[in-house]
């Protein structure tokens, strides 16, 4: 049972250093290259997707399309779910991280961006950014649509999808790919590796590098996940994610 977790390639708002959340932003030119690289890394390692899952946001979907094209697997079943969406950043969505840091200070900024329990200021129900106005969520019960989320909230919506859809697929197919986002994937890694809230705060997942797990039939990893790609490039990408919005 091979599970491949893939954070989408760099988006236009990643490039601009903005809080993105559920805003449907496309890949940047660099993001396209990162998605192509991810597909090549999977092909070279012999990991060919047999089924795939993605959020309903185009940066994750497009990354998955490119990966499936590069691995010649565009014919495999693909399932989309809002439960794999990025963490909802509430009223911070669209704001530049450096501006939020300057306005609210480093302690509050870090709580909103990285703590396990703290959620950003919520959207008002009338705000056009609220997901209730987006047709892709018309089938989601209104009480489940977030106005803002902590990482804990994200974990609580991702885990039911893991249990009901992804884990059963792993029992049916050999290689399963999940194309999603920094925080929805952090939630999955937290579950898979049994990380504590303190440990997951320090976890940064780079864009465009496949993270591969070998699982037993009980769904428990046989060891820590490993990234495919050049270790130096992976480390630099992790450091880049960690430094977003910093003063240095």
Protein backbone atom coordinates (compact mmCIF):
# COMPACT_ATOMS: atom_id res chain seq x y z
CA UNK A 1 0.00 0.00 0.00
CA UNK A 2 1.72 3.14 -1.27
CA UNK A 3 0.35 6.56 -0.34
CA UNK A 4 1.68 9.64 -2.12
CA UNK A 5 0.89 13.00 -0.55
CA UNK A 6 1.49 15.96 -2.83
CA UNK A 7 1.19 19.61 -1.98
CA UNK A 8 0.15 21.50 -5.11
CA UNK A 9 2.73 23.53 -7.02
CA UNK A 10 3.32 27.15 -6.09
CA UNK A 11 0.17 29.23 -6.60
CA UNK A 12 -0.05 32.86 -7.68
CA UNK A 13 -0.83 33.86 -4.09
CA UNK A 14 1.97 31.67 -2.71
CA UNK A 15 4.21 33.67 -5.01
CA UNK A 16 2.82 36.94 -3.64
CA UNK A 17 3.00 35.78 -0.01
CA UNK A 18 -0.77 35.99 0.60
CA UNK A 19 -3.04 33.94 2.85
CA UNK A 20 -5.00 31.87 0.33
CA UNK A 21 -7.21 29.39 2.19
CA UNK A 22 -10.32 28.50 0.18
CA UNK A 23 -9.76 31.24 -2.41
CA UNK A 24 -9.54 29.48 -5.77
CA UNK A 25 -6.17 30.68 -7.03
CA UNK A 26 -4.36 29.01 -9.94
CA UNK A 27 -0.75 27.85 -10.21
CA UNK A 28 2.05 30.29 -10.98
CA UNK A 29 4.43 29.49 -13.87
CA UNK A 30 6.80 28.06 -11.26
CA UNK A 31 3.91 26.00 -9.89
CA UNK A 32 3.42 24.40 -13.31
CA UNK A 33 7.11 23.48 -13.36
CA UNK A 34 6.89 22.04 -9.84
CA UNK A 35 3.90 19.90 -10.82
CA UNK A 36 5.77 18.62 -13.88
CA UNK A 37 8.77 17.82 -11.68
CA UNK A 38 6.53 15.91 -9.25
CA UNK A 39 5.17 13.80 -12.09
CA UNK A 40 8.67 13.07 -13.36
CA UNK A 41 9.87 12.11 -9.87
CA UNK A 42 7.00 9.66 -9.47
CA UNK A 43 7.60 8.16 -12.92
CA UNK A 44 11.33 7.78 -12.32
CA UNK A 45 10.69 6.11 -8.95
CA UNK A 46 8.15 3.73 -10.49
CA UNK A 47 5.16 5.03 -8.54
CA UNK A 48 2.24 5.02 -10.98
CA UNK A 49 -1.07 6.30 -9.55
CA UNK A 50 -3.99 3.87 -9.67
CA UNK A 51 -6.52 6.21 -8.06
CA UNK A 52 -6.27 9.87 -7.04
CA UNK A 53 -7.91 12.29 -4.65
CA UNK A 54 -7.88 16.09 -4.68
CA UNK A 55 -9.51 19.08 -3.07
CA UNK A 56 -12.01 21.09 -5.12
CA UNK A 57 -9.54 23.97 -5.56
CA UNK A 58 -7.96 24.39 -8.97
CA UNK A 59 -4.35 24.62 -7.80
CA UNK A 60 -4.59 21.09 -6.40
CA UNK A 61 -6.66 19.78 -9.31
CA UNK A 62 -4.33 21.21 -11.93
CA UNK A 63 -1.29 19.84 -10.13
CA UNK A 64 -2.93 16.42 -10.16
CA UNK A 65 -3.78 16.69 -13.89
CA UNK A 66 -0.15 17.48 -14.69
CA UNK A 67 1.13 14.63 -12.51
CA UNK A 68 -1.27 12.14 -14.10
CA UNK A 69 -0.26 13.34 -17.55
CA UNK A 70 3.46 12.96 -16.78
CA UNK A 71 2.91 9.45 -15.42
CA UNK A 72 0.57 8.52 -18.32
CA UNK A 73 -2.25 7.84 -15.86
CA UNK A 74 -4.90 10.39 -16.87
CA UNK A 75 -7.38 7.52 -17.15
CA UNK A 76 -7.34 6.55 -13.47
CA UNK A 77 -10.34 7.35 -11.21
CA UNK A 78 -10.16 10.82 -9.62
CA UNK A 79 -12.26 11.90 -6.64
CA UNK A 80 -12.65 15.49 -5.45
CA UNK A 81 -13.70 16.61 -1.98
CA UNK A 82 -13.99 19.89 -0.11
CA UNK A 83 -12.70 18.00 2.93
CA UNK A 84 -9.22 18.09 1.37
CA UNK A 85 -9.33 21.88 0.92
CA UNK A 86 -6.73 24.12 2.47
CA UNK A 87 -7.35 25.42 5.97
CA UNK A 88 -9.84 28.31 5.84
CA UNK A 89 -8.04 31.50 6.84
CA UNK A 90 -11.19 33.53 7.47
CA UNK A 91 -10.85 37.28 7.10
CA UNK A 92 -7.09 36.95 6.51
CA UNK A 93 -7.71 35.43 3.06
CA UNK A 94 -6.18 37.65 0.41
CA UNK A 95 -3.99 39.61 2.81
CA UNK A 96 -0.22 39.57 2.47
CA UNK A 97 1.46 37.68 5.30
CA UNK A 98 4.11 40.37 5.73
CA UNK A 99 1.38 43.00 6.16
CA UNK A 100 -0.45 40.91 8.77
CA UNK A 101 2.84 40.39 10.61
CA UNK A 102 3.52 44.14 10.62
CA UNK A 103 -0.02 44.99 11.78
CA UNK A 104 -0.54 42.39 14.51
CA UNK A 105 2.96 41.46 15.65
CA UNK A 106 4.94 38.25 15.51
CA UNK A 107 3.20 36.43 18.37
CA UNK A 108 -0.32 36.86 16.99
CA UNK A 109 0.85 36.22 13.43
CA UNK A 110 2.46 32.93 14.46
CA UNK A 111 -0.66 31.85 16.34
CA UNK A 112 -2.87 32.45 13.33
CA UNK A 113 -0.45 30.88 10.87
CA UNK A 114 0.99 27.93 12.73
CA UNK A 115 -0.63 27.12 16.08
CA UNK A 116 -2.81 24.02 16.41
CA UNK A 117 -5.77 25.59 18.23
CA UNK A 118 -5.97 29.24 17.11
CA UNK A 119 -8.25 30.22 14.23
CA UNK A 120 -8.00 33.57 12.40
CA UNK A 121 -10.80 36.15 12.65
CA UNK A 122 -13.89 34.59 11.01
CA UNK A 123 -15.68 35.86 7.93
CA UNK A 124 -19.04 37.49 8.34
CA UNK A 125 -21.89 35.42 6.89
CA UNK A 126 -22.60 38.18 4.36
CA UNK A 127 -18.99 38.32 3.16
CA UNK A 128 -18.77 37.30 -0.53
CA UNK A 129 -15.72 35.19 0.39
CA UNK A 130 -17.91 32.94 2.56
CA UNK A 131 -18.16 29.47 0.94
CA UNK A 132 -21.97 29.50 1.10
CA UNK A 133 -21.93 31.74 -2.01
CA UNK A 134 -19.75 29.32 -4.01
CA UNK A 135 -21.69 26.78 -6.13
CA UNK A 136 -19.12 24.04 -5.56
CA UNK A 137 -20.28 23.80 -1.93
CA UNK A 138 -24.04 23.78 -2.58
CA UNK A 139 -24.30 20.13 -1.46
CA UNK A 140 -22.35 20.68 1.78
CA UNK A 141 -24.56 21.17 4.87
CA UNK A 142 -24.34 24.87 5.78
CA UNK A 143 -23.31 24.11 9.35
CA UNK A 144 -20.17 22.39 8.05
CA UNK A 145 -18.98 25.35 5.98
CA UNK A 146 -16.25 27.17 7.92
CA UNK A 147 -15.91 30.90 8.46
CA UNK A 148 -12.34 30.31 9.68
CA UNK A 149 -10.39 27.27 10.84
CA UNK A 150 -7.56 26.28 13.13
CA UNK A 151 -5.34 23.35 12.18
CA UNK A 152 -7.36 21.30 14.67
CA UNK A 153 -10.55 22.17 12.77
CA UNK A 154 -8.86 21.14 9.53
CA UNK A 155 -7.81 17.82 11.04
CA UNK A 156 -11.37 17.13 12.20
CA UNK A 157 -12.78 17.57 8.67
CA UNK A 158 -9.97 15.71 6.89
CA UNK A 159 -9.96 12.56 9.07
CA UNK A 160 -13.49 11.38 8.21
CA UNK A 161 -12.57 11.51 4.53
CA UNK A 162 -9.39 9.55 5.22
CA UNK A 163 -11.36 6.88 7.07
CA UNK A 164 -14.28 6.62 4.63
CA UNK A 165 -12.62 7.13 1.25
CA UNK A 166 -8.81 7.19 1.12
CA UNK A 167 -8.00 4.29 3.46
CA UNK A 168 -10.50 1.93 1.74
CA UNK A 169 -8.97 2.91 -1.62
CA UNK A 170 -5.55 1.90 -0.30
CA UNK A 171 -6.93 -1.57 0.39
CA UNK A 172 -8.18 -1.80 -3.19
CA UNK A 173 -5.36 -0.10 -5.12
CA UNK A 174 -1.59 -0.35 -4.74
CA UNK A 175 -0.68 3.32 -5.26
CA UNK A 176 -2.93 6.19 -4.15
CA UNK A 177 -2.14 9.88 -4.74
CA UNK A 178 -3.63 12.74 -2.71
CA UNK A 179 -3.13 16.20 -4.22
CA UNK A 180 -3.99 18.81 -1.62
CA UNK A 181 -2.64 21.69 0.44
CA UNK A 182 -0.11 22.57 3.11
CA UNK A 183 -2.50 22.35 6.06
CA UNK A 184 -4.81 19.54 4.94
CA UNK A 185 -1.66 17.49 4.31
CA UNK A 186 -0.14 18.54 7.64
CA UNK A 187 -3.31 17.18 9.23
CA UNK A 188 -2.89 13.85 7.43
CA UNK A 189 0.81 13.63 8.32
CA UNK A 190 -0.05 14.41 11.94
CA UNK A 191 -2.46 11.46 11.94
CA UNK A 192 -0.16 9.08 10.06
CA UNK A 193 2.95 9.81 12.11
CA UNK A 194 1.10 10.39 15.40
CA UNK A 195 2.59 13.85 15.84
CA UNK A 196 1.71 15.96 18.85
CA UNK A 197 0.22 19.46 18.44
CA UNK A 198 3.64 20.85 19.41
CA UNK A 199 5.40 18.75 16.76
CA UNK A 200 2.97 19.55 13.94
CA UNK A 201 3.42 23.29 14.53
CA UNK A 202 7.00 22.91 13.28
CA UNK A 203 6.04 20.80 10.24
CA UNK A 204 6.40 22.50 6.86
CA UNK A 205 5.45 20.69 3.66
CA UNK A 206 7.08 22.02 0.47
CA UNK A 207 5.21 22.50 -2.78
CA UNK A 208 5.71 20.04 -5.60
CA UNK A 209 7.74 17.29 -3.90
CA UNK A 210 5.92 13.93 -3.52
CA UNK A 211 5.87 12.58 0.05
CA UNK A 212 5.67 8.78 -0.06
CA UNK A 213 4.47 6.40 2.65
CA UNK A 214 4.47 2.62 2.67
CA UNK A 215 1.52 1.41 4.77
CA UNK A 216 0.61 -1.87 6.35
CA UNK A 217 -2.84 -3.38 5.92
CA UNK A 218 -3.88 -1.64 9.14
CA UNK A 219 -3.19 1.73 7.50
CA UNK A 220 -0.22 2.42 9.77
CA UNK A 221 2.99 3.62 8.05
CA UNK A 222 5.88 1.16 8.12
CA UNK A 223 8.20 4.12 8.70
CA UNK A 224 8.34 7.90 8.26
CA UNK A 225 7.37 9.36 4.92
CA UNK A 226 10.14 10.18 2.46
CA UNK A 227 10.26 12.93 -0.12
CA UNK A 228 11.23 12.18 -3.69
CA UNK A 229 13.77 14.59 -5.15
CA UNK A 230 17.08 16.23 -4.41
CA UNK A 231 17.54 16.53 -0.60
CA UNK A 232 19.16 19.97 -0.88
CA UNK A 233 16.31 21.34 -3.03
CA UNK A 234 13.74 19.84 -0.66
CA UNK A 235 15.40 21.44 2.37
CA UNK A 236 15.57 24.84 0.68
CA UNK A 237 11.88 24.55 -0.24
CA UNK A 238 10.97 23.70 3.37
CA UNK A 239 12.97 26.69 4.64
CA UNK A 240 11.20 28.93 2.12
CA UNK A 241 7.79 27.84 3.42
CA UNK A 242 8.87 28.33 7.04
CA UNK A 243 10.11 31.86 6.35
CA UNK A 244 6.95 33.18 4.67
CA UNK A 245 5.93 36.47 6.21
CA UNK A 246 9.01 36.68 8.43
CA UNK A 247 10.80 39.95 9.03
CA UNK A 248 14.13 38.66 7.76
